[in-house]
Amino acid sequence: MQEQEQWINEVMGSLRKQQPAAGNPYLHTRVMARLSAATTRQPLQLKWVFAFTAVFVCMLLLNLLGWNGSSAANNSAAGQPVDIEMVINEYELNNQYTSIP
């Protein structure tokens, strides 16, 4: 216990011999000058607005065409809705099918 306290006192004593770190005297003025400088924002270029609008419109049209095309294909493919009984009869699953009450 005595050795540990002696070691702590030696470490703390060695820290007292250290000199404080010297800072840059011009750092504050540089930071304040940079903060007070007016930052000019670049305006949004019109070509990027048109490009984004064109891409958005193309994606919207492709989605609408795909949605309408898939619903039209579903309606004209069979002509009638497919139910479980039709599937059972088509694949001859009469013996393996059990209905859940």
Protein backbone atom coordinates (compact mmCIF):
# COMPACT_ATOMS: atom_id res chain seq x y z
CA MET A 1 0.00 0.00 0.00
CA GLN A 2 2.83 2.34 0.84
CA GLU A 3 4.56 1.55 -2.46
CA GLN A 4 1.41 2.28 -4.43
CA GLU A 5 0.98 5.70 -2.78
CA GLN A 6 4.63 6.49 -3.39
CA TRP A 7 4.24 5.57 -7.06
CA ILE A 8 1.13 7.78 -7.34
CA ASN A 9 2.98 10.70 -5.76
CA GLU A 10 5.90 10.22 -8.19
CA VAL A 11 3.56 10.23 -11.18
CA MET A 12 1.69 13.29 -9.94
CA GLY A 13 4.97 15.04 -9.21
CA SER A 14 6.24 14.35 -12.70
CA LEU A 15 3.13 15.97 -14.13
CA ARG A 16 3.86 19.17 -12.21
CA LYS A 17 7.14 19.55 -14.09
CA GLN A 18 5.32 19.64 -17.44
CA GLN A 19 4.74 22.98 -19.13
CA PRO A 20 1.31 23.79 -20.48
CA ALA A 21 0.89 23.40 -24.21
CA ALA A 22 1.25 26.58 -26.18
CA GLY A 23 -1.66 27.37 -28.45
CA ASN A 24 -1.70 29.19 -31.75
CA PRO A 25 -2.40 32.86 -30.96
CA TYR A 26 -4.06 33.39 -34.36
CA LEU A 27 -6.39 30.41 -34.20
CA HIS A 28 -9.32 32.36 -32.72
CA THR A 29 -9.13 35.10 -35.34
CA ARG A 30 -8.96 32.52 -38.16
CA VAL A 31 -11.98 30.63 -36.86
CA MET A 32 -13.98 33.82 -36.39
CA ALA A 33 -13.06 35.06 -39.87
CA ARG A 34 -14.16 31.80 -41.44
CA LEU A 35 -17.43 31.82 -39.49
CA SER A 36 -18.25 35.40 -40.40
CA ALA A 37 -17.40 34.94 -44.09
CA ALA A 38 -20.56 34.77 -46.13
CA THR A 39 -20.90 31.42 -47.80
CA THR A 40 -22.39 31.67 -51.24
CA ARG A 41 -24.57 28.77 -52.26
CA GLN A 42 -24.44 27.62 -55.82
CA PRO A 43 -27.88 27.81 -57.42
CA LEU A 44 -29.37 24.58 -58.64
CA GLN A 45 -28.59 24.19 -62.32
CA LEU A 46 -31.62 24.07 -64.54
CA LYS A 47 -30.33 21.12 -66.55
CA TRP A 48 -30.42 18.91 -63.42
CA VAL A 49 -34.01 19.96 -62.72
CA PHE A 50 -35.04 18.98 -66.24
CA ALA A 51 -33.08 15.72 -66.08
CA PHE A 52 -34.70 14.71 -62.79
CA THR A 53 -38.15 15.62 -64.11
CA ALA A 54 -37.63 13.59 -67.28
CA VAL A 55 -36.45 10.54 -65.34
CA PHE A 56 -39.37 10.83 -62.93
CA VAL A 57 -41.91 11.10 -65.75
CA CYS A 58 -40.37 8.10 -67.56
CA MET A 59 -40.49 5.98 -64.42
CA LEU A 60 -44.09 7.01 -63.79
CA LEU A 61 -45.13 6.12 -67.34
CA LEU A 62 -43.35 2.76 -67.20
CA ASN A 63 -45.10 1.93 -63.94
CA LEU A 64 -48.50 2.90 -65.32
CA LEU A 65 -47.97 0.93 -68.53
CA GLY A 66 -46.77 -2.10 -66.61
CA TRP A 67 -49.68 -1.93 -64.20
CA ASN A 68 -52.26 -1.58 -66.96
CA GLY A 69 -50.58 -4.27 -69.06
CA SER A 70 -50.48 -6.77 -66.22
CA SER A 71 -54.13 -6.27 -65.33
CA ALA A 72 -55.17 -6.58 -69.00
CA ALA A 73 -53.14 -9.79 -69.37
CA ASN A 74 -54.75 -11.26 -66.27
CA ASN A 75 -58.25 -10.47 -67.52
CA SER A 76 -57.79 -11.83 -71.04
CA ALA A 77 -55.65 -14.88 -70.21
CA ALA A 78 -58.26 -17.21 -68.77
CA GLY A 79 -61.52 -15.47 -69.42
CA GLN A 80 -62.79 -16.68 -66.05
CA PRO A 81 -61.40 -16.57 -62.54
CA VAL A 82 -59.29 -19.50 -61.36
CA ASP A 83 -60.48 -21.14 -58.18
CA ILE A 84 -59.28 -24.09 -56.14
CA GLU A 85 -61.73 -26.54 -57.69
CA MET A 86 -60.41 -25.86 -61.20
CA VAL A 87 -56.84 -26.43 -60.05
CA ILE A 88 -57.79 -29.70 -58.35
CA ASN A 89 -59.55 -30.97 -61.46
CA GLU A 90 -56.79 -29.88 -63.84
CA TYR A 91 -53.99 -31.56 -61.89
CA GLU A 92 -56.14 -34.54 -60.88
CA LEU A 93 -55.65 -34.01 -57.18
CA ASN A 94 -59.04 -35.43 -56.18
CA ASN A 95 -57.55 -38.05 -53.87
CA GLN A 96 -55.02 -35.81 -52.12
CA TYR A 97 -57.26 -32.83 -51.50
CA THR A 98 -58.89 -32.37 -48.14
CA SER A 99 -61.03 -29.36 -47.52
CA ILE A 100 -60.70 -27.54 -44.26
CA PRO A 101 -64.13 -26.96 -42.74
